[in-house]
PDB file of N, CA and C in Angstrom:
ATOM      1  N   UNK A   1       0.837  -1.177   0.000  1.00  0.00           N
ATOM      2  CA  UNK A   1       0.000   0.000   0.000  1.00  0.00           C
ATOM      3  C   UNK A   1       0.889   1.251   0.000  1.00  0.00           C
ATOM      4  N   UNK A   2       0.577   2.172  -0.870  1.00  0.00           N
ATOM      5  CA  UNK A   2       1.328   3.409  -0.970  1.00  0.00           C
ATOM      6  C   UNK A   2       0.622   4.495  -0.161  1.00  0.00           C
ATOM      7  N   UNK A   3       1.398   5.174   0.648  1.00  0.00           N
ATOM      8  CA  UNK A   3       0.843   6.268   1.433  1.00  0.00           C
ATOM      9  C   UNK A   3       1.177   7.574   0.745  1.00  0.00           C
ATOM     10  N   UNK A   4       0.162   8.363   0.476  1.00  0.00           N
ATOM     11  CA  UNK A   4       0.359   9.673  -0.132  1.00  0.00           C
ATOM     12  C   UNK A   4       0.332  10.696   0.989  1.00  0.00           C
ATOM     13  N   UNK A   5       1.432  11.382   1.130  1.00  0.00           N
ATOM     14  CA  UNK A   5       1.525  12.383   2.186  1.00  0.00           C
ATOM     15  C   UNK A   5       1.015  13.716   1.666  1.00  0.00           C
ATOM     16  N   UNK A   6       0.013  14.232   2.341  1.00  0.00           N
ATOM     17  CA  UNK A   6      -0.560  15.516   1.964  1.00  0.00           C
ATOM     18  C   UNK A   6       0.402  16.625   2.384  1.00  0.00           C
ATOM     19  N   UNK A   7       0.563  17.610   1.513  1.00  0.00           N
ATOM     20  CA  UNK A   7       1.442  18.739   1.846  1.00  0.00           C
ATOM     21  C   UNK A   7       0.950  19.398   3.127  1.00  0.00           C
ATOM     22  N   UNK A   8       1.901  19.778   3.948  1.00  0.00           N
ATOM     23  CA  UNK A   8       1.550  20.426   5.212  1.00  0.00           C
ATOM     24  C   UNK A   8       0.789  21.707   4.919  1.00  0.00           C
ATOM     25  N   UNK A   9      -0.336  21.859   5.582  1.00  0.00           N
ATOM     26  CA  UNK A   9      -1.151  23.042   5.375  1.00  0.00           C
ATOM     27  C   UNK A   9      -0.791  24.098   6.405  1.00  0.00           C
ATOM     28  N   UNK A  10      -0.875  25.332   5.970  1.00  0.00           N
ATOM     29  CA  UNK A  10      -0.536  26.458   6.828  1.00  0.00           C
ATOM     30  C   UNK A  10      -1.713  27.420   6.884  1.00  0.00           C
ATOM     31  N   UNK A  11      -1.765  28.172   7.955  1.00  0.00           N
ATOM     32  CA  UNK A  11      -2.777  29.229   8.043  1.00  0.00           C
ATOM     33  C   UNK A  11      -2.448  30.296   7.008  1.00  0.00           C
ATOM     34  N   UNK A  12      -3.471  30.953   6.467  1.00  0.00           N
ATOM     35  CA  UNK A  12      -3.199  32.070   5.559  1.00  0.00           C
ATOM     36  C   UNK A  12      -2.404  33.155   6.283  1.00  0.00           C
ATOM     37  N   UNK A  13      -1.540  33.821   5.556  1.00  0.00           N
ATOM     38  CA  UNK A  13      -0.697  34.847   6.159  1.00  0.00           C
ATOM     39  C   UNK A  13      -1.539  35.985   6.718  1.00  0.00           C
ATOM     40  N   UNK A  14      -2.645  36.334   6.049  1.00  0.00           N
ATOM     41  CA  UNK A  14      -3.478  37.420   6.562  1.00  0.00           C
ATOM     42  C   UNK A  14      -4.102  37.065   7.915  1.00  0.00           C
ATOM     43  N   UNK A  15      -4.356  35.778   8.175  1.00  0.00           N
ATOM     44  CA  UNK A  15      -4.869  35.343   9.475  1.00  0.00           C
ATOM     45  C   UNK A  15      -3.785  35.500  10.538  1.00  0.00           C
ATOM     46  N   UNK A  16      -2.562  35.110  10.179  1.00  0.00           N
ATOM     47  CA  UNK A  16      -1.430  35.268  11.089  1.00  0.00           C
ATOM     48  C   UNK A  16      -1.224  36.754  11.398  1.00  0.00           C
ATOM     49  N   UNK A  17      -1.293  37.596  10.372  1.00  0.00           N
ATOM     50  CA  UNK A  17      -1.122  39.040  10.561  1.00  0.00           C
ATOM     51  C   UNK A  17      -2.191  39.592  11.504  1.00  0.00           C
ATOM     52  N   UNK A  18      -3.408  39.120  11.371  1.00  0.00           N
ATOM     53  CA  UNK A  18      -4.480  39.561  12.267  1.00  0.00           C
ATOM     54  C   UNK A  18      -4.184  39.225  13.718  1.00  0.00           C
ATOM     55  N   UNK A  19      -3.624  38.053  13.948  1.00  0.00           N
ATOM     56  CA  UNK A  19      -3.259  37.658  15.301  1.00  0.00           C
ATOM     57  C   UNK A  19      -2.120  38.540  15.833  1.00  0.00           C
ATOM     58  N   UNK A  20      -1.196  38.895  14.952  1.00  0.00           N
ATOM     59  CA  UNK A  20      -0.103  39.786  15.360  1.00  0.00           C
ATOM     60  C   UNK A  20      -0.668  41.150  15.754  1.00  0.00           C
ATOM     61  N   UNK A  21      -1.558  41.704  14.925  1.00  0.00           N
ATOM     62  CA  UNK A  21      -2.173  43.000  15.242  1.00  0.00           C
ATOM     63  C   UNK A  21      -2.880  42.931  16.600  1.00  0.00           C
ATOM     64  N   UNK A  22      -3.553  41.831  16.869  1.00  0.00           N
ATOM     65  CA  UNK A  22      -4.287  41.681  18.138  1.00  0.00           C
ATOM     66  C   UNK A  22      -3.343  41.611  19.334  1.00  0.00           C
ATOM     67  N   UNK A  23      -2.179  40.996  19.159  1.00  0.00           N
ATOM     68  CA  UNK A  23      -1.275  40.769  20.283  1.00  0.00           C
ATOM     69  C   UNK A  23      -0.278  41.901  20.502  1.00  0.00           C
ATOM     70  N   UNK A  24       0.221  42.490  19.430  1.00  0.00           N
ATOM     71  CA  UNK A  24       1.292  43.493  19.525  1.00  0.00           C
ATOM     72  C   UNK A  24       0.655  44.872  19.577  1.00  0.00           C
ATOM     73  N   UNK A  25       0.492  45.402  20.781  1.00  0.00           N
ATOM     74  CA  UNK A  25      -0.269  46.635  20.976  1.00  0.00           C
ATOM     75  C   UNK A  25       0.393  47.871  20.366  1.00  0.00           C
ATOM     76  N   UNK A  26       1.703  47.909  20.329  1.00  0.00           N
ATOM     77  CA  UNK A  26       2.409  49.070  19.781  1.00  0.00           C
ATOM     78  C   UNK A  26       3.553  48.580  18.894  1.00  0.00           C
ATOM     79  N   UNK A  27       3.228  48.117  17.667  1.00  0.00           N
ATOM     80  CA  UNK A  27       4.278  47.541  16.823  1.00  0.00           C
ATOM     81  C   UNK A  27       5.351  48.560  16.454  1.00  0.00           C
ATOM     82  N   UNK A  28       6.563  48.052  16.359  1.00  0.00           N
ATOM     83  CA  UNK A  28       7.707  48.863  15.930  1.00  0.00           C
ATOM     84  C   UNK A  28       7.413  49.430  14.542  1.00  0.00           C
ATOM     85  N   UNK A  29       7.713  50.716  14.354  1.00  0.00           N
ATOM     86  CA  UNK A  29       7.366  51.393  13.097  1.00  0.00           C
ATOM     87  C   UNK A  29       8.003  50.732  11.873  1.00  0.00           C
ATOM     88  N   UNK A  30       9.167  50.114  12.045  1.00  0.00           N
ATOM     89  CA  UNK A  30       9.812  49.427  10.930  1.00  0.00           C
ATOM     90  C   UNK A  30       9.105  48.153  10.522  1.00  0.00           C
ATOM     91  N   UNK A  31       8.325  47.580  11.420  1.00  0.00           N
ATOM     92  CA  UNK A  31       7.597  46.341  11.124  1.00  0.00           C
ATOM     93  C   UNK A  31       6.223  46.603  10.527  1.00  0.00           C
ATOM     94  N   UNK A  32       5.670  47.783  10.788  1.00  0.00           N
ATOM     95  CA  UNK A  32       4.296  48.083  10.381  1.00  0.00           C
ATOM     96  C   UNK A  32       4.049  47.921   8.877  1.00  0.00           C
ATOM     97  N   UNK A  33       4.906  48.462   7.981  1.00  0.00           N
ATOM     98  CA  UNK A  33       4.616  48.298   6.544  1.00  0.00           C
ATOM     99  C   UNK A  33       4.566  46.825   6.116  1.00  0.00           C
ATOM    100  N   UNK A  34       5.400  46.010   6.721  1.00  0.00           N
ATOM    101  CA  UNK A  34       5.414  44.587   6.366  1.00  0.00           C
ATOM    102  C   UNK A  34       4.215  43.868   6.963  1.00  0.00           C
ATOM    103  N   UNK A  35       3.809  44.276   8.143  1.00  0.00           N
ATOM    104  CA  UNK A  35       2.615  43.707   8.758  1.00  0.00           C
ATOM    105  C   UNK A  35       1.373  44.089   7.962  1.00  0.00           C
ATOM    106  N   UNK A  36       1.325  45.314   7.472  1.00  0.00           N
ATOM    107  CA  UNK A  36       0.213  45.740   6.615  1.00  0.00           C
ATOM    108  C   UNK A  36       0.193  44.920   5.322  1.00  0.00           C
ATOM    109  N   UNK A  37       1.364  44.703   4.740  1.00  0.00           N
ATOM    110  CA  UNK A  37       1.441  43.892   3.516  1.00  0.00           C
ATOM    111  C   UNK A  37       1.007  42.455   3.792  1.00  0.00           C
ATOM    112  N   UNK A  38       1.440  41.906   4.934  1.00  0.00           N
ATOM    113  CA  UNK A  38       1.065  40.536   5.283  1.00  0.00           C
ATOM    114  C   UNK A  38      -0.446  40.397   5.448  1.00  0.00           C
ATOM    115  N   UNK A  39      -1.106  41.483   5.820  1.00  0.00           N
ATOM    116  CA  UNK A  39      -2.562  41.468   5.983  1.00  0.00           C
ATOM    117  C   UNK A  39      -3.285  41.257   4.654  1.00  0.00           C
ATOM    118  N   UNK A  40      -2.572  41.404   3.550  1.00  0.00           N
ATOM    119  CA  UNK A  40      -3.153  41.229   2.212  1.00  0.00           C
ATOM    120  C   UNK A  40      -2.715  39.931   1.538  1.00  0.00           C
ATOM    121  N   UNK A  41      -1.921  39.126   2.217  1.00  0.00           N
ATOM    122  CA  UNK A  41      -1.357  37.916   1.611  1.00  0.00           C
ATOM    123  C   UNK A  41      -2.067  36.663   2.095  1.00  0.00           C
ATOM    124  N   UNK A  42      -2.233  35.729   1.176  1.00  0.00           N
ATOM    125  CA  UNK A  42      -2.830  34.451   1.523  1.00  0.00           C
ATOM    126  C   UNK A  42      -1.749  33.407   1.790  1.00  0.00           C
ATOM    127  N   UNK A  43      -0.804  33.295   0.863  1.00  0.00           N
ATOM    128  CA  UNK A  43       0.224  32.256   1.003  1.00  0.00           C
ATOM    129  C   UNK A  43       1.607  32.839   0.742  1.00  0.00           C
ATOM    130  N   UNK A  44       2.600  32.056   1.080  1.00  0.00           N
ATOM    131  CA  UNK A  44       3.994  32.460   0.909  1.00  0.00           C
ATOM    132  C   UNK A  44       4.360  32.551  -0.579  1.00  0.00           C
ATOM    133  N   UNK A  45       3.505  32.035  -1.454  1.00  0.00           N
ATOM    134  CA  UNK A  45       3.743  32.079  -2.895  1.00  0.00           C
ATOM    135  C   UNK A  45       3.106  33.288  -3.569  1.00  0.00           C
ATOM    136  N   UNK A  46       2.423  34.137  -2.795  1.00  0.00           N
ATOM    137  CA  UNK A  46       1.778  35.322  -3.343  1.00  0.00           C
ATOM    138  C   UNK A  46       2.793  36.428  -3.608  1.00  0.00           C
ATOM    139  N   UNK A  47       2.317  37.450  -4.281  1.00  0.00           N
ATOM    140  CA  UNK A  47       3.093  38.670  -4.492  1.00  0.00           C
ATOM    141  C   UNK A  47       2.355  39.827  -3.840  1.00  0.00           C
ATOM    142  N   UNK A  48       3.110  40.792  -3.363  1.00  0.00           N
ATOM    143  CA  UNK A  48       2.554  42.038  -2.856  1.00  0.00           C
ATOM    144  C   UNK A  48       3.244  43.142  -3.638  1.00  0.00           C
ATOM    145  N   UNK A  49       2.550  43.700  -4.609  1.00  0.00           N
ATOM    146  CA  UNK A  49       3.184  44.636  -5.534  1.00  0.00           C
ATOM    147  C   UNK A  49       4.271  43.897  -6.284  1.00  0.00           C
ATOM    148  N   UNK A  50       5.486  44.405  -6.233  1.00  0.00           N
ATOM    149  CA  UNK A  50       6.590  43.732  -6.917  1.00  0.00           C
ATOM    150  C   UNK A  50       7.402  42.850  -5.971  1.00  0.00           C
ATOM    151  N   UNK A  51       6.947  42.712  -4.733  1.00  0.00           N
ATOM    152  CA  UNK A  51       7.660  41.896  -3.744  1.00  0.00           C
ATOM    153  C   UNK A  51       7.018  40.523  -3.581  1.00  0.00           C
ATOM    154  N   UNK A  52       7.838  39.533  -3.397  1.00  0.00           N
ATOM    155  CA  UNK A  52       7.363  38.186  -3.087  1.00  0.00           C
ATOM    156  C   UNK A  52       6.941  38.140  -1.623  1.00  0.00           C
ATOM    157  N   UNK A  53       5.930  37.345  -1.314  1.00  0.00           N
ATOM    158  CA  UNK A  53       5.475  37.201   0.077  1.00  0.00           C
ATOM    159  C   UNK A  53       6.622  36.739   0.964  1.00  0.00           C
ATOM    160  N   UNK A  54       7.457  35.898   0.437  1.00  0.00           N
ATOM    161  CA  UNK A  54       8.609  35.390   1.190  1.00  0.00           C
ATOM    162  C   UNK A  54       9.474  36.537   1.702  1.00  0.00           C
ATOM    163  N   UNK A  55       9.721  37.527   0.840  1.00  0.00           N
ATOM    164  CA  UNK A  55      10.542  38.679   1.208  1.00  0.00           C
ATOM    165  C   UNK A  55       9.819  39.539   2.243  1.00  0.00           C
ATOM    166  N   UNK A  56       8.525  39.738   2.059  1.00  0.00           N
ATOM    167  CA  UNK A  56       7.735  40.527   3.014  1.00  0.00           C
ATOM    168  C   UNK A  56       7.814  39.901   4.403  1.00  0.00           C
ATOM    169  N   UNK A  57       7.627  38.589   4.479  1.00  0.00           N
ATOM    170  CA  UNK A  57       7.672  37.892   5.766  1.00  0.00           C
ATOM    171  C   UNK A  57       9.069  37.978   6.373  1.00  0.00           C
ATOM    172  N   UNK A  58      10.092  37.813   5.561  1.00  0.00           N
ATOM    173  CA  UNK A  58      11.470  37.901   6.066  1.00  0.00           C
ATOM    174  C   UNK A  58      11.764  39.293   6.622  1.00  0.00           C
ATOM    175  N   UNK A  59      11.321  40.341   5.923  1.00  0.00           N
ATOM    176  CA  UNK A  59      11.542  41.703   6.411  1.00  0.00           C
ATOM    177  C   UNK A  59      10.731  41.973   7.678  1.00  0.00           C
ATOM    178  N   UNK A  60       9.525  41.415   7.751  1.00  0.00           N
ATOM    179  CA  UNK A  60       8.756  41.561   8.983  1.00  0.00           C
ATOM    180  C   UNK A  60       9.532  40.953  10.145  1.00  0.00           C
ATOM    181  N   UNK A  61      10.002  39.737   9.962  1.00  0.00           N
ATOM    182  CA  UNK A  61      10.743  39.059  11.032  1.00  0.00           C
ATOM    183  C   UNK A  61      11.988  39.844  11.435  1.00  0.00           C
ATOM    184  N   UNK A  62      12.658  40.440  10.471  1.00  0.00           N
ATOM    185  CA  UNK A  62      13.857  41.224  10.768  1.00  0.00           C
ATOM    186  C   UNK A  62      13.535  42.478  11.579  1.00  0.00           C
ATOM    187  N   UNK A  63      12.293  42.961  11.480  1.00  0.00           N
ATOM    188  CA  UNK A  63      11.890  44.176  12.177  1.00  0.00           C
ATOM    189  C   UNK A  63      11.000  43.915  13.388  1.00  0.00           C
ATOM    190  N   UNK A  64      10.839  42.658  13.758  1.00  0.00           N
ATOM    191  CA  UNK A  64       9.931  42.304  14.860  1.00  0.00           C
ATOM    192  C   UNK A  64      10.679  41.912  16.132  1.00  0.00           C
ATOM    193  N   UNK A  65      11.913  42.372  16.282  1.00  0.00           N
ATOM    194  CA  UNK A  65      12.711  42.007  17.460  1.00  0.00           C
ATOM    195  C   UNK A  65      12.118  42.505  18.768  1.00  0.00           C
ATOM    196  N   UNK A  66      11.384  43.609  18.730  1.00  0.00           N
ATOM    197  CA  UNK A  66      10.836  44.151  19.981  1.00  0.00           C
ATOM    198  C   UNK A  66       9.520  43.494  20.377  1.00  0.00           C
ATOM    199  N   UNK A  67       8.954  42.667  19.501  1.00  0.00           N
ATOM    200  CA  UNK A  67       7.723  41.934  19.827  1.00  0.00           C
ATOM    201  C   UNK A  67       8.130  40.675  20.571  1.00  0.00           C
ATOM    202  N   UNK A  68       7.688  40.574  21.814  1.00  0.00           N
ATOM    203  CA  UNK A  68       8.118  39.466  22.667  1.00  0.00           C
ATOM    204  C   UNK A  68       6.940  38.781  23.320  1.00  0.00           C
ATOM    205  N   UNK A  69       7.223  37.651  23.933  1.00  0.00           N
ATOM    206  CA  UNK A  69       6.197  36.898  24.650  1.00  0.00           C
ATOM    207  C   UNK A  69       5.924  35.562  23.972  1.00  0.00           C
ATOM    208  N   UNK A  70       5.068  34.780  24.586  1.00  0.00           N
ATOM    209  CA  UNK A  70       4.752  33.435  24.080  1.00  0.00           C
ATOM    210  C   UNK A  70       4.114  33.483  22.693  1.00  0.00           C
ATOM    211  N   UNK A  71       3.153  34.393  22.495  1.00  0.00           N
ATOM    212  CA  UNK A  71       2.500  34.506  21.185  1.00  0.00           C
ATOM    213  C   UNK A  71       3.512  34.902  20.127  1.00  0.00           C
ATOM    214  N   UNK A  72       4.377  35.841  20.452  1.00  0.00           N
ATOM    215  CA  UNK A  72       5.403  36.284  19.499  1.00  0.00           C
ATOM    216  C   UNK A  72       6.318  35.129  19.123  1.00  0.00           C
ATOM    217  N   UNK A  73       6.767  34.366  20.089  1.00  0.00           N
ATOM    218  CA  UNK A  73       7.654  33.224  19.794  1.00  0.00           C
ATOM    219  C   UNK A  73       6.952  32.201  18.906  1.00  0.00           C
ATOM    220  N   UNK A  74       5.701  31.903  19.233  1.00  0.00           N
ATOM    221  CA  UNK A  74       4.956  30.899  18.469  1.00  0.00           C
ATOM    222  C   UNK A  74       4.747  31.353  17.026  1.00  0.00           C
ATOM    223  N   UNK A  75       4.338  32.605  16.848  1.00  0.00           N
ATOM    224  CA  UNK A  75       4.041  33.100  15.497  1.00  0.00           C
ATOM    225  C   UNK A  75       5.316  33.298  14.683  1.00  0.00           C
ATOM    226  N   UNK A  76       6.368  33.798  15.300  1.00  0.00           N
ATOM    227  CA  UNK A  76       7.637  33.937  14.565  1.00  0.00           C
ATOM    228  C   UNK A  76       8.124  32.577  14.080  1.00  0.00           C
ATOM    229  N   UNK A  77       7.979  31.572  14.921  1.00  0.00           N
ATOM    230  CA  UNK A  77       8.357  30.228  14.519  1.00  0.00           C
ATOM    231  C   UNK A  77       7.494  29.730  13.354  1.00  0.00           C
ATOM    232  N   UNK A  78       6.207  30.008  13.424  1.00  0.00           N
ATOM    233  CA  UNK A  78       5.286  29.621  12.351  1.00  0.00           C
ATOM    234  C   UNK A  78       5.666  30.314  11.044  1.00  0.00           C
ATOM    235  N   UNK A  79       5.969  31.590  11.111  1.00  0.00           N
ATOM    236  CA  UNK A  79       6.361  32.325   9.906  1.00  0.00           C
ATOM    237  C   UNK A  79       7.671  31.797   9.322  1.00  0.00           C
ATOM    238  N   UNK A  80       8.616  31.475  10.183  1.00  0.00           N
ATOM    239  CA  UNK A  80       9.890  30.932   9.696  1.00  0.00           C
ATOM    240  C   UNK A  80       9.691  29.608   8.976  1.00  0.00           C
ATOM    241  N   UNK A  81       8.744  28.802   9.449  1.00  0.00           N
ATOM    242  CA  UNK A  81       8.467  27.512   8.781  1.00  0.00           C
ATOM    243  C   UNK A  81       7.849  27.711   7.403  1.00  0.00           C
ATOM    244  N   UNK A  82       7.216  28.846   7.167  1.00  0.00           N
ATOM    245  CA  UNK A  82       6.607  29.112   5.857  1.00  0.00           C
ATOM    246  C   UNK A  82       7.642  29.414   4.781  1.00  0.00           C
ATOM    247  N   UNK A  83       8.776  29.950   5.200  1.00  0.00           N
ATOM    248  CA  UNK A  83       9.799  30.392   4.241  1.00  0.00           C
ATOM    249  C   UNK A  83      10.560  29.177   3.717  1.00  0.00           C
ATOM    250  N   UNK A  84      10.518  28.981   2.390  1.00  0.00           N
ATOM    251  CA  UNK A  84      11.241  27.832   1.830  1.00  0.00           C
ATOM    252  C   UNK A  84      12.750  27.975   2.029  1.00  0.00           C
ATOM    253  N   UNK A  85      13.401  26.847   2.234  1.00  0.00           N
ATOM    254  CA  UNK A  85      14.856  26.856   2.453  1.00  0.00           C
ATOM    255  C   UNK A  85      15.609  27.132   1.186  1.00  0.00           C
TER     256      UNK A  85
END
């Protein structure tokens, strides 16, 4: 019997962004443009203007150092798993 492994499913990026907005009461100004862009993205394969979603997420992570706590750790880890190696 052959087992077909279904591709791992991920939450849409706009859902993740909504959770970030709910948790991070005063986001760092450098992260805000990327968080706004993430609010319009469905998957890591999307484009936002001329930018790839992958780049938007990477720049968000680079600017989210001041966002801390359990939710921040969990979501940052989730976002990192979305980025292809």
